[in-house]
Amino acid sequence: MSSDCTHDCSSCGSNCVSRDKKSMIKPLHAGARVKKVIAVASGKGGVGKSLVTSLLAVRAHALGYRTAILDADVTGPSIPKSFGVFERARGEEDFIYPVFTKEGIQMMSMNCLLEHDDDPVVWRGALIAGAATQFWTDVVWDDVDIMFIDMPPGTGDVPLSVFQSIPLSGIVIVSTPQDLVEMIVKKAANMAGMMNVPVLGLVENMSYFECPDCGKKHEIFGTSKVKELAKKYSVPAIARMPIDPAIARLADAGKLIEADTEALKEVFHTIEGAKEIGNYKAD
């Protein structure tokens, strides 16, 4: 691969490993099985990817799917606490078992490996990207119907490693209503396009606040842009998630499994229709 590679094979004449994406896909552990993998991504941080990832998993579980979360946000893991999971992961020399919520959602996160939840992960990019990939290759995922990957923000080492190393059924892009939202969506959508991964849905988080007294919806962070952006970038499904103090309380209490996920109904429907990843087991 050239040092100035843009990862856009359509504009390149080189004959390298990137041209055959499957040649870079890492196999699952021999004892693992996963049918669909959905990455939850954004072009910037602070938009609520971890929350959206978690709520999609809650909805999948409620509908009877065997569900898993791979927390690829290695330096900022927050998902286990939202589900009340403080157990350390167990394993052997060449594999590790996922941690289960009490309801049965499987997960792997850096916080499941640290001695203390507040221990910092002070690693360089290559190590962080390697850890995210190992959550795919070294964990014995137990017969998963849908896995959701909580991506770190941006388009750097870890997102690139996930796109190249893990067979994705599609991605869901998370944004907010601010004026810079189109840049956020465009970055994530362009990266998905370079990697030939379909964008299944666009979730506008913190889209509005509904007054508990009068029921009026207030667009605190600006007018919603999700419909026009979905049309512009040919995204098949959208969701507008409100600012909801009840969800924040549930996450803080480790009871996110109880959250209302109806706002994600349309996006989840496209996830149900996404392709399965095929057989990427070890030889």
C-alpha atoms as a PDB file:
ATOM      1  CA  MET A   1       0.000   0.000   0.000  1.00  0.00           C
ATOM      2  CA  SER A   2       1.312   3.439  -0.925  1.00  0.00           C
ATOM      3  CA  SER A   3       2.143   5.826   1.928  1.00  0.00           C
ATOM      4  CA  ASP A   4      -0.152   8.432   0.352  1.00  0.00           C
ATOM      5  CA  CYS A   5      -3.066   6.019  -0.013  1.00  0.00           C
ATOM      6  CA  THR A   6      -6.507   7.674   0.259  1.00  0.00           C
ATOM      7  CA  HIS A   7      -8.259   4.286   0.615  1.00  0.00           C
ATOM      8  CA  ASP A   8     -10.386   5.161  -2.413  1.00  0.00           C
ATOM      9  CA  CYS A   9      -9.689   2.239  -4.744  1.00  0.00           C
ATOM     10  CA  SER A  10     -11.913   3.662  -7.513  1.00  0.00           C
ATOM     11  CA  SER A  11      -9.375   6.435  -8.224  1.00  0.00           C
ATOM     12  CA  CYS A  12      -6.221   4.339  -7.848  1.00  0.00           C
ATOM     13  CA  GLY A  13      -4.260   2.228 -10.318  1.00  0.00           C
ATOM     14  CA  SER A  14      -2.202   0.326  -7.759  1.00  0.00           C
ATOM     15  CA  ASN A  15      -2.719  -3.390  -7.298  1.00  0.00           C
ATOM     16  CA  CYS A  16      -2.544  -3.761  -3.531  1.00  0.00           C
ATOM     17  CA  VAL A  17      -4.281  -5.613  -0.751  1.00  0.00           C
ATOM     18  CA  SER A  18      -6.749  -2.746  -0.204  1.00  0.00           C
ATOM     19  CA  ARG A  19      -8.328  -3.446  -3.576  1.00  0.00           C
ATOM     20  CA  ASP A  20      -9.667  -6.752  -2.270  1.00  0.00           C
ATOM     21  CA  LYS A  21     -11.385  -5.707   0.960  1.00  0.00           C
ATOM     22  CA  LYS A  22     -12.072  -9.292   1.986  1.00  0.00           C
ATOM     23  CA  SER A  23      -8.327  -9.974   2.058  1.00  0.00           C
ATOM     24  CA  MET A  24      -8.039  -7.581   5.015  1.00  0.00           C
ATOM     25  CA  ILE A  25     -11.033  -8.907   6.947  1.00  0.00           C
ATOM     26  CA  LYS A  26     -10.062 -10.609  10.189  1.00  0.00           C
ATOM     27  CA  PRO A  27     -11.747 -13.904  11.072  1.00  0.00           C
ATOM     28  CA  LEU A  28     -13.804 -14.446  14.163  1.00  0.00           C
ATOM     29  CA  HIS A  29     -12.500 -16.783  16.834  1.00  0.00           C
ATOM     30  CA  ALA A  30     -13.199 -20.399  15.908  1.00  0.00           C
ATOM     31  CA  GLY A  31     -15.843 -20.669  18.635  1.00  0.00           C
ATOM     32  CA  ALA A  32     -17.666 -17.425  17.774  1.00  0.00           C
ATOM     33  CA  ARG A  33     -20.657 -16.753  15.546  1.00  0.00           C
ATOM     34  CA  VAL A  34     -22.060 -13.366  14.453  1.00  0.00           C
ATOM     35  CA  LYS A  35     -24.698 -12.822  11.752  1.00  0.00           C
ATOM     36  CA  LYS A  36     -24.865  -9.017  11.331  1.00  0.00           C
ATOM     37  CA  VAL A  37     -22.521  -6.195  12.336  1.00  0.00           C
ATOM     38  CA  ILE A  38     -23.716  -2.586  12.485  1.00  0.00           C
ATOM     39  CA  ALA A  39     -21.252   0.237  13.186  1.00  0.00           C
ATOM     40  CA  VAL A  40     -22.557   3.410  14.847  1.00  0.00           C
ATOM     41  CA  ALA A  41     -20.367   6.299  13.687  1.00  0.00           C
ATOM     42  CA  SER A  42     -20.018  10.061  13.407  1.00  0.00           C
ATOM     43  CA  GLY A  43     -17.639  12.613  11.959  1.00  0.00           C
ATOM     44  CA  LYS A  44     -17.092  14.185  15.400  1.00  0.00           C
ATOM     45  CA  GLY A  45     -17.364  13.482  19.099  1.00  0.00           C
ATOM     46  CA  GLY A  46     -20.007  14.489  21.612  1.00  0.00           C
ATOM     47  CA  VAL A  47     -23.053  13.609  19.513  1.00  0.00           C
ATOM     48  CA  GLY A  48     -24.165  10.556  21.513  1.00  0.00           C
ATOM     49  CA  LYS A  49     -22.889   7.529  19.578  1.00  0.00           C
ATOM     50  CA  SER A  50     -22.584   5.412  22.712  1.00  0.00           C
ATOM     51  CA  LEU A  51     -26.154   6.204  23.703  1.00  0.00           C
ATOM     52  CA  VAL A  52     -27.512   5.418  20.239  1.00  0.00           C
ATOM     53  CA  THR A  53     -25.476   2.197  20.104  1.00  0.00           C
ATOM     54  CA  SER A  54     -26.852   1.150  23.480  1.00  0.00           C
ATOM     55  CA  LEU A  55     -30.455   2.013  22.626  1.00  0.00           C
ATOM     56  CA  LEU A  56     -30.277   0.098  19.344  1.00  0.00           C
ATOM     57  CA  ALA A  57     -29.027  -2.895  21.320  1.00  0.00           C
ATOM     58  CA  VAL A  58     -31.877  -2.457  23.821  1.00  0.00           C
ATOM     59  CA  ARG A  59     -34.396  -2.466  20.973  1.00  0.00           C
ATOM     60  CA  ALA A  60     -32.828  -5.518  19.331  1.00  0.00           C
ATOM     61  CA  HIS A  61     -32.889  -7.412  22.612  1.00  0.00           C
ATOM     62  CA  ALA A  62     -36.515  -6.437  23.268  1.00  0.00           C
ATOM     63  CA  LEU A  63     -37.470  -7.830  19.848  1.00  0.00           C
ATOM     64  CA  GLY A  64     -35.874 -11.172  20.650  1.00  0.00           C
ATOM     65  CA  TYR A  65     -32.539 -10.890  18.833  1.00  0.00           C
ATOM     66  CA  ARG A  66     -29.389 -12.283  20.410  1.00  0.00           C
ATOM     67  CA  THR A  67     -27.552  -8.991  20.751  1.00  0.00           C
ATOM     68  CA  ALA A  68     -23.963  -7.870  21.333  1.00  0.00           C
ATOM     69  CA  ILE A  69     -22.080  -4.584  21.708  1.00  0.00           C
ATOM     70  CA  LEU A  70     -18.438  -4.187  20.719  1.00  0.00           C
ATOM     71  CA  ASP A  71     -17.178  -0.980  22.322  1.00  0.00           C
ATOM     72  CA  ALA A  72     -14.475   0.233  19.923  1.00  0.00           C
ATOM     73  CA  ASP A  73     -14.214   3.581  21.722  1.00  0.00           C
ATOM     74  CA  VAL A  74     -11.201   2.201  23.577  1.00  0.00           C
ATOM     75  CA  THR A  75     -10.101   5.372  25.373  1.00  0.00           C
ATOM     76  CA  GLY A  76     -13.606   6.514  26.311  1.00  0.00           C
ATOM     77  CA  PRO A  77     -15.601   3.393  27.155  1.00  0.00           C
ATOM     78  CA  SER A  78     -18.924   4.129  28.840  1.00  0.00           C
ATOM     79  CA  ILE A  79     -21.355   1.432  27.736  1.00  0.00           C
ATOM     80  CA  PRO A  80     -20.880  -1.186  30.509  1.00  0.00           C
ATOM     81  CA  LYS A  81     -21.815   1.284  33.251  1.00  0.00           C
ATOM     82  CA  SER A  82     -25.018   2.251  31.420  1.00  0.00           C
ATOM     83  CA  PHE A  83     -26.133  -1.373  31.687  1.00  0.00           C
ATOM     84  CA  GLY A  84     -24.951  -1.841  35.258  1.00  0.00           C
ATOM     85  CA  VAL A  85     -22.062  -4.102  34.208  1.00  0.00           C
ATOM     86  CA  PHE A  86     -18.969  -3.931  36.409  1.00  0.00           C
ATOM     87  CA  GLU A  87     -17.782  -7.515  35.937  1.00  0.00           C
ATOM     88  CA  ARG A  88     -14.280  -8.147  34.589  1.00  0.00           C
ATOM     89  CA  ALA A  89     -14.035 -10.309  31.474  1.00  0.00           C
ATOM     90  CA  ARG A  90     -12.589 -13.832  31.787  1.00  0.00           C
ATOM     91  CA  GLY A  91     -10.602 -15.845  29.293  1.00  0.00           C
ATOM     92  CA  GLU A  92      -7.642 -18.043  28.475  1.00  0.00           C
ATOM     93  CA  GLU A  93      -4.350 -17.444  26.697  1.00  0.00           C
ATOM     94  CA  ASP A  94      -5.773 -17.109  23.189  1.00  0.00           C
ATOM     95  CA  PHE A  95      -9.391 -16.075  23.735  1.00  0.00           C
ATOM     96  CA  ILE A  96     -11.710 -14.111  25.991  1.00  0.00           C
ATOM     97  CA  TYR A  97     -15.368 -14.504  26.888  1.00  0.00           C
ATOM     98  CA  PRO A  98     -17.798 -11.607  26.427  1.00  0.00           C
ATOM     99  CA  VAL A  99     -19.404 -10.115  29.499  1.00  0.00           C
ATOM    100  CA  PHE A 100     -23.190 -10.455  29.723  1.00  0.00           C
ATOM    101  CA  THR A 101     -25.710  -8.006  31.102  1.00  0.00           C
ATOM    102  CA  LYS A 102     -28.208  -9.631  33.452  1.00  0.00           C
ATOM    103  CA  GLU A 103     -30.730  -9.511  30.585  1.00  0.00           C
ATOM    104  CA  GLY A 104     -28.357 -11.393  28.253  1.00  0.00           C
ATOM    105  CA  ILE A 105     -26.795  -8.704  26.019  1.00  0.00           C
ATOM    106  CA  GLN A 106     -23.173  -9.614  25.282  1.00  0.00           C
ATOM    107  CA  MET A 107     -20.507  -6.924  25.361  1.00  0.00           C
ATOM    108  CA  MET A 108     -16.803  -6.303  25.259  1.00  0.00           C
ATOM    109  CA  SER A 109     -15.304  -2.989  26.300  1.00  0.00           C
ATOM    110  CA  MET A 110     -11.963  -1.811  27.595  1.00  0.00           C
ATOM    111  CA  ASN A 111     -13.689  -1.163  30.926  1.00  0.00           C
ATOM    112  CA  CYS A 112     -14.328  -4.914  31.134  1.00  0.00           C
ATOM    113  CA  LEU A 113     -10.558  -5.455  31.158  1.00  0.00           C
ATOM    114  CA  LEU A 114      -9.336  -2.673  33.435  1.00  0.00           C
ATOM    115  CA  GLU A 115      -8.829  -3.213  37.150  1.00  0.00           C
ATOM    116  CA  HIS A 116     -10.654   0.047  37.907  1.00  0.00           C
ATOM    117  CA  ASP A 117     -13.272   1.792  35.767  1.00  0.00           C
ATOM    118  CA  ASP A 118     -11.465   5.113  36.032  1.00  0.00           C
ATOM    119  CA  ASP A 119      -8.041   3.811  34.971  1.00  0.00           C
ATOM    120  CA  PRO A 120      -6.934   5.813  31.895  1.00  0.00           C
ATOM    121  CA  VAL A 121      -5.911   4.080  28.671  1.00  0.00           C
ATOM    122  CA  VAL A 122      -2.771   6.004  27.735  1.00  0.00           C
ATOM    123  CA  TRP A 123      -1.884   4.286  24.460  1.00  0.00           C
ATOM    124  CA  ARG A 124      -0.811   5.402  21.016  1.00  0.00           C
ATOM    125  CA  GLY A 125      -3.067   5.005  17.994  1.00  0.00           C
ATOM    126  CA  ALA A 126      -1.752   1.683  16.698  1.00  0.00           C
ATOM    127  CA  LEU A 127      -2.278  -0.038  20.056  1.00  0.00           C
ATOM    128  CA  ILE A 128      -5.787   1.389  20.391  1.00  0.00           C
ATOM    129  CA  ALA A 129      -6.709   0.255  16.883  1.00  0.00           C
ATOM    130  CA  GLY A 130      -5.275  -3.191  17.604  1.00  0.00           C
ATOM    131  CA  ALA A 131      -7.347  -3.523  20.763  1.00  0.00           C
ATOM    132  CA  ALA A 132     -10.565  -2.690  18.897  1.00  0.00           C
ATOM    133  CA  THR A 133      -9.768  -5.320  16.270  1.00  0.00           C
ATOM    134  CA  GLN A 134      -8.967  -7.914  18.936  1.00  0.00           C
ATOM    135  CA  PHE A 135     -12.405  -7.397  20.436  1.00  0.00           C
ATOM    136  CA  TRP A 136     -13.582  -8.934  17.141  1.00  0.00           C
ATOM    137  CA  THR A 137     -10.976 -11.669  16.661  1.00  0.00           C
ATOM    138  CA  ASP A 138     -10.279 -12.850  20.214  1.00  0.00           C
ATOM    139  CA  VAL A 139     -13.718 -12.773  21.851  1.00  0.00           C
ATOM    140  CA  VAL A 140     -15.850 -15.910  21.735  1.00  0.00           C
ATOM    141  CA  TRP A 141     -19.095 -14.200  20.733  1.00  0.00           C
ATOM    142  CA  ASP A 142     -21.974 -16.552  21.459  1.00  0.00           C
ATOM    143  CA  ASP A 143     -24.310 -17.002  18.478  1.00  0.00           C
ATOM    144  CA  VAL A 144     -25.018 -13.278  17.938  1.00  0.00           C
ATOM    145  CA  ASP A 145     -27.835 -12.180  15.627  1.00  0.00           C
ATOM    146  CA  ILE A 146     -26.910  -8.464  15.610  1.00  0.00           C
ATOM    147  CA  MET A 147     -23.707  -6.869  16.890  1.00  0.00           C
ATOM    148  CA  PHE A 148     -23.477  -3.094  17.311  1.00  0.00           C
ATOM    149  CA  ILE A 149     -20.064  -1.416  17.272  1.00  0.00           C
ATOM    150  CA  ASP A 150     -19.692   1.858  19.167  1.00  0.00           C
ATOM    151  CA  MET A 151     -17.135   3.690  17.029  1.00  0.00           C
ATOM    152  CA  PRO A 152     -14.797   6.390  18.290  1.00  0.00           C
ATOM    153  CA  PRO A 153     -15.308   9.818  16.689  1.00  0.00           C
ATOM    154  CA  GLY A 154     -13.780  10.881  13.411  1.00  0.00           C
ATOM    155  CA  THR A 155     -12.067   8.963  10.619  1.00  0.00           C
ATOM    156  CA  GLY A 156      -8.686   8.062  12.159  1.00  0.00           C
ATOM    157  CA  ASP A 157      -6.846   4.870  13.086  1.00  0.00           C
ATOM    158  CA  VAL A 158      -9.590   3.018  14.928  1.00  0.00           C
ATOM    159  CA  PRO A 159     -12.489   3.707  12.514  1.00  0.00           C
ATOM    160  CA  LEU A 160     -10.222   2.795   9.598  1.00  0.00           C
ATOM    161  CA  SER A 161      -9.145  -0.445  11.298  1.00  0.00           C
ATOM    162  CA  VAL A 162     -12.764  -1.367  12.044  1.00  0.00           C
ATOM    163  CA  PHE A 163     -13.868  -0.690   8.465  1.00  0.00           C
ATOM    164  CA  GLN A 164     -10.971  -2.691   7.026  1.00  0.00           C
ATOM    165  CA  SER A 165     -10.836  -5.557   9.540  1.00  0.00           C
ATOM    166  CA  ILE A 166     -14.465  -6.276  10.438  1.00  0.00           C
ATOM    167  CA  PRO A 167     -17.129  -7.276   7.886  1.00  0.00           C
ATOM    168  CA  LEU A 168     -19.856  -4.657   8.336  1.00  0.00           C
ATOM    169  CA  SER A 169     -23.476  -5.067   7.289  1.00  0.00           C
ATOM    170  CA  GLY A 170     -23.853  -1.283   7.365  1.00  0.00           C
ATOM    171  CA  ILE A 171     -23.448   1.842   9.466  1.00  0.00           C
ATOM    172  CA  VAL A 172     -25.732   4.236  11.306  1.00  0.00           C
ATOM    173  CA  ILE A 173     -24.563   7.854  11.418  1.00  0.00           C
ATOM    174  CA  VAL A 174     -25.275   9.978  14.489  1.00  0.00           C
ATOM    175  CA  SER A 175     -25.506  13.765  14.312  1.00  0.00           C
ATOM    176  CA  THR A 176     -26.997  16.736  16.147  1.00  0.00           C
ATOM    177  CA  PRO A 177     -29.007  19.728  14.838  1.00  0.00           C
ATOM    178  CA  GLN A 178     -26.204  22.331  14.898  1.00  0.00           C
ATOM    179  CA  ASP A 179     -25.151  24.161  11.726  1.00  0.00           C
ATOM    180  CA  LEU A 180     -21.995  22.046  11.322  1.00  0.00           C
ATOM    181  CA  VAL A 181     -24.056  18.858  11.085  1.00  0.00           C
ATOM    182  CA  GLU A 182     -23.673  18.470   7.316  1.00  0.00           C
ATOM    183  CA  MET A 183     -19.897  18.309   7.676  1.00  0.00           C
ATOM    184  CA  ILE A 184     -20.314  15.593  10.334  1.00  0.00           C
ATOM    185  CA  VAL A 185     -22.603  13.524   8.149  1.00  0.00           C
ATOM    186  CA  LYS A 186     -20.559  14.037   5.000  1.00  0.00           C
ATOM    187  CA  LYS A 187     -17.322  12.849   6.635  1.00  0.00           C
ATOM    188  CA  ALA A 188     -18.914   9.649   7.925  1.00  0.00           C
ATOM    189  CA  ALA A 189     -20.850   8.995   4.729  1.00  0.00           C
ATOM    190  CA  ASN A 190     -17.767   9.547   2.550  1.00  0.00           C
ATOM    191  CA  MET A 191     -15.730   7.125   4.644  1.00  0.00           C
ATOM    192  CA  ALA A 192     -18.485   4.527   4.383  1.00  0.00           C
ATOM    193  CA  GLY A 193     -18.536   5.057   0.624  1.00  0.00           C
ATOM    194  CA  MET A 194     -14.767   4.580   0.336  1.00  0.00           C
ATOM    195  CA  MET A 195     -15.102   1.283   2.186  1.00  0.00           C
ATOM    196  CA  ASN A 196     -18.190   0.170   0.241  1.00  0.00           C
ATOM    197  CA  VAL A 197     -20.320  -0.059   3.373  1.00  0.00           C
ATOM    198  CA  PRO A 198     -23.985   1.027   3.118  1.00  0.00           C
ATOM    199  CA  VAL A 199     -25.338   3.807   5.315  1.00  0.00           C
ATOM    200  CA  LEU A 200     -28.535   2.374   6.809  1.00  0.00           C
ATOM    201  CA  GLY A 201     -29.779   5.290   8.854  1.00  0.00           C
ATOM    202  CA  LEU A 202     -29.203   8.789  10.176  1.00  0.00           C
ATOM    203  CA  VAL A 203     -30.012   9.555  13.815  1.00  0.00           C
ATOM    204  CA  GLU A 204     -30.324  13.181  14.901  1.00  0.00           C
ATOM    205  CA  ASN A 205     -29.656  13.113  18.633  1.00  0.00           C
ATOM    206  CA  MET A 206     -30.744  15.957  20.947  1.00  0.00           C
ATOM    207  CA  SER A 207     -33.160  16.923  18.181  1.00  0.00           C
ATOM    208  CA  TYR A 208     -35.707  18.612  20.450  1.00  0.00           C
ATOM    209  CA  PHE A 209     -37.011  18.874  23.991  1.00  0.00           C
ATOM    210  CA  GLU A 210     -40.662  18.153  24.698  1.00  0.00           C
ATOM    211  CA  CYS A 211     -42.069  20.264  27.524  1.00  0.00           C
ATOM    212  CA  PRO A 212     -43.586  17.956  30.149  1.00  0.00           C
ATOM    213  CA  ASP A 213     -46.209  20.587  31.019  1.00  0.00           C
ATOM    214  CA  CYS A 214     -47.557  21.766  27.664  1.00  0.00           C
ATOM    215  CA  GLY A 215     -46.229  19.048  25.309  1.00  0.00           C
ATOM    216  CA  LYS A 216     -44.673  21.585  22.927  1.00  0.00           C
ATOM    217  CA  LYS A 217     -41.440  20.547  21.194  1.00  0.00           C
ATOM    218  CA  HIS A 218     -38.580  23.037  21.438  1.00  0.00           C
ATOM    219  CA  GLU A 219     -35.634  22.719  19.012  1.00  0.00           C
ATOM    220  CA  ILE A 220     -33.011  23.925  21.477  1.00  0.00           C
ATOM    221  CA  PHE A 221     -29.959  23.337  19.257  1.00  0.00           C
ATOM    222  CA  GLY A 222     -31.526  24.660  16.062  1.00  0.00           C
ATOM    223  CA  THR A 223     -33.914  23.556  13.348  1.00  0.00           C
ATOM    224  CA  SER A 224     -33.787  19.870  12.478  1.00  0.00           C
ATOM    225  CA  LYS A 225     -31.832  19.080   9.326  1.00  0.00           C
ATOM    226  CA  VAL A 226     -32.102  15.308   9.369  1.00  0.00           C
ATOM    227  CA  LYS A 227     -34.720  14.943   6.609  1.00  0.00           C
ATOM    228  CA  GLU A 228     -32.919  17.116   4.090  1.00  0.00           C
ATOM    229  CA  LEU A 229     -29.569  15.488   4.832  1.00  0.00           C
ATOM    230  CA  ALA A 230     -31.019  11.992   4.502  1.00  0.00           C
ATOM    231  CA  LYS A 231     -32.432  12.961   1.115  1.00  0.00           C
ATOM    232  CA  LYS A 232     -29.183  14.593  -0.016  1.00  0.00           C
ATOM    233  CA  TYR A 233     -27.028  11.583   0.908  1.00  0.00           C
ATOM    234  CA  SER A 234     -29.625   8.920   0.017  1.00  0.00           C
ATOM    235  CA  VAL A 235     -29.893   7.576   3.555  1.00  0.00           C
ATOM    236  CA  PRO A 236     -32.915   5.252   3.722  1.00  0.00           C
ATOM    237  CA  ALA A 237     -34.055   5.853   7.317  1.00  0.00           C
ATOM    238  CA  ILE A 238     -33.967   8.626   9.895  1.00  0.00           C
ATOM    239  CA  ALA A 239     -34.690   9.112  13.579  1.00  0.00           C
ATOM    240  CA  ARG A 240     -35.076  12.210  15.742  1.00  0.00           C
ATOM    241  CA  MET A 241     -34.105  11.512  19.339  1.00  0.00           C
ATOM    242  CA  PRO A 242     -35.256  14.026  21.946  1.00  0.00           C
ATOM    243  CA  ILE A 243     -33.351  15.415  24.892  1.00  0.00           C
ATOM    244  CA  ASP A 244     -34.818  13.116  27.529  1.00  0.00           C
ATOM    245  CA  PRO A 245     -33.741  13.422  31.181  1.00  0.00           C
ATOM    246  CA  ALA A 246     -35.375  10.055  31.878  1.00  0.00           C
ATOM    247  CA  ILE A 247     -32.877   8.274  29.607  1.00  0.00           C
ATOM    248  CA  ALA A 248     -29.976  10.071  31.289  1.00  0.00           C
ATOM    249  CA  ARG A 249     -31.241   8.932  34.697  1.00  0.00           C
ATOM    250  CA  LEU A 250     -31.547   5.332  33.507  1.00  0.00           C
ATOM    251  CA  ALA A 251     -28.009   5.374  32.095  1.00  0.00           C
ATOM    252  CA  ASP A 252     -26.593   6.833  35.306  1.00  0.00           C
ATOM    253  CA  ALA A 253     -28.388   4.126  37.296  1.00  0.00           C
ATOM    254  CA  GLY A 254     -27.154   1.313  35.037  1.00  0.00           C
ATOM    255  CA  LYS A 255     -30.718   0.601  33.892  1.00  0.00           C
ATOM    256  CA  LEU A 256     -30.623   1.685  30.263  1.00  0.00           C
ATOM    257  CA  ILE A 257     -32.305  -1.597  29.335  1.00  0.00           C
ATOM    258  CA  GLU A 258     -35.556   0.049  30.541  1.00  0.00           C
ATOM    259  CA  ALA A 259     -35.329   2.999  28.119  1.00  0.00           C
ATOM    260  CA  ASP A 260     -37.960   3.796  25.498  1.00  0.00           C
ATOM    261  CA  THR A 261     -36.514   3.091  22.019  1.00  0.00           C
ATOM    262  CA  GLU A 262     -39.565   3.877  19.887  1.00  0.00           C
ATOM    263  CA  ALA A 263     -37.796   6.860  18.254  1.00  0.00           C
ATOM    264  CA  LEU A 264     -35.363   4.401  16.625  1.00  0.00           C
ATOM    265  CA  LYS A 265     -38.085   2.214  15.114  1.00  0.00           C
ATOM    266  CA  GLU A 266     -37.574   3.243  11.474  1.00  0.00           C
ATOM    267  CA  VAL A 267     -33.770   3.011  11.627  1.00  0.00           C
ATOM    268  CA  PHE A 268     -33.942  -0.376  13.297  1.00  0.00           C
ATOM    269  CA  HIS A 269     -36.242  -1.634  10.558  1.00  0.00           C
ATOM    270  CA  THR A 270     -33.498  -0.973   7.985  1.00  0.00           C
ATOM    271  CA  ILE A 271     -31.023  -2.802  10.229  1.00  0.00           C
ATOM    272  CA  GLU A 272     -33.303  -5.844  10.238  1.00  0.00           C
ATOM    273  CA  GLY A 273     -33.179  -5.810   6.440  1.00  0.00           C
ATOM    274  CA  ALA A 274     -29.382  -5.427   6.205  1.00  0.00           C
ATOM    275  CA  LYS A 275     -27.289  -8.259   4.807  1.00  0.00           C
ATOM    276  CA  GLU A 276     -25.660 -10.869   6.997  1.00  0.00           C
ATOM    277  CA  ILE A 277     -21.874 -10.824   6.972  1.00  0.00           C
ATOM    278  CA  GLY A 278     -21.246 -14.397   5.842  1.00  0.00           C
ATOM    279  CA  ASN A 279     -18.672 -16.800   7.218  1.00  0.00           C
ATOM    280  CA  TYR A 280     -15.520 -15.146   8.569  1.00  0.00           C
ATOM    281  CA  LYS A 281     -14.430 -17.902  10.905  1.00  0.00           C
ATOM    282  CA  ALA A 282     -10.837 -18.957  11.458  1.00  0.00           C
ATOM    283  CA  ASP A 283      -9.486 -21.722   9.235  1.00  0.00           C
END
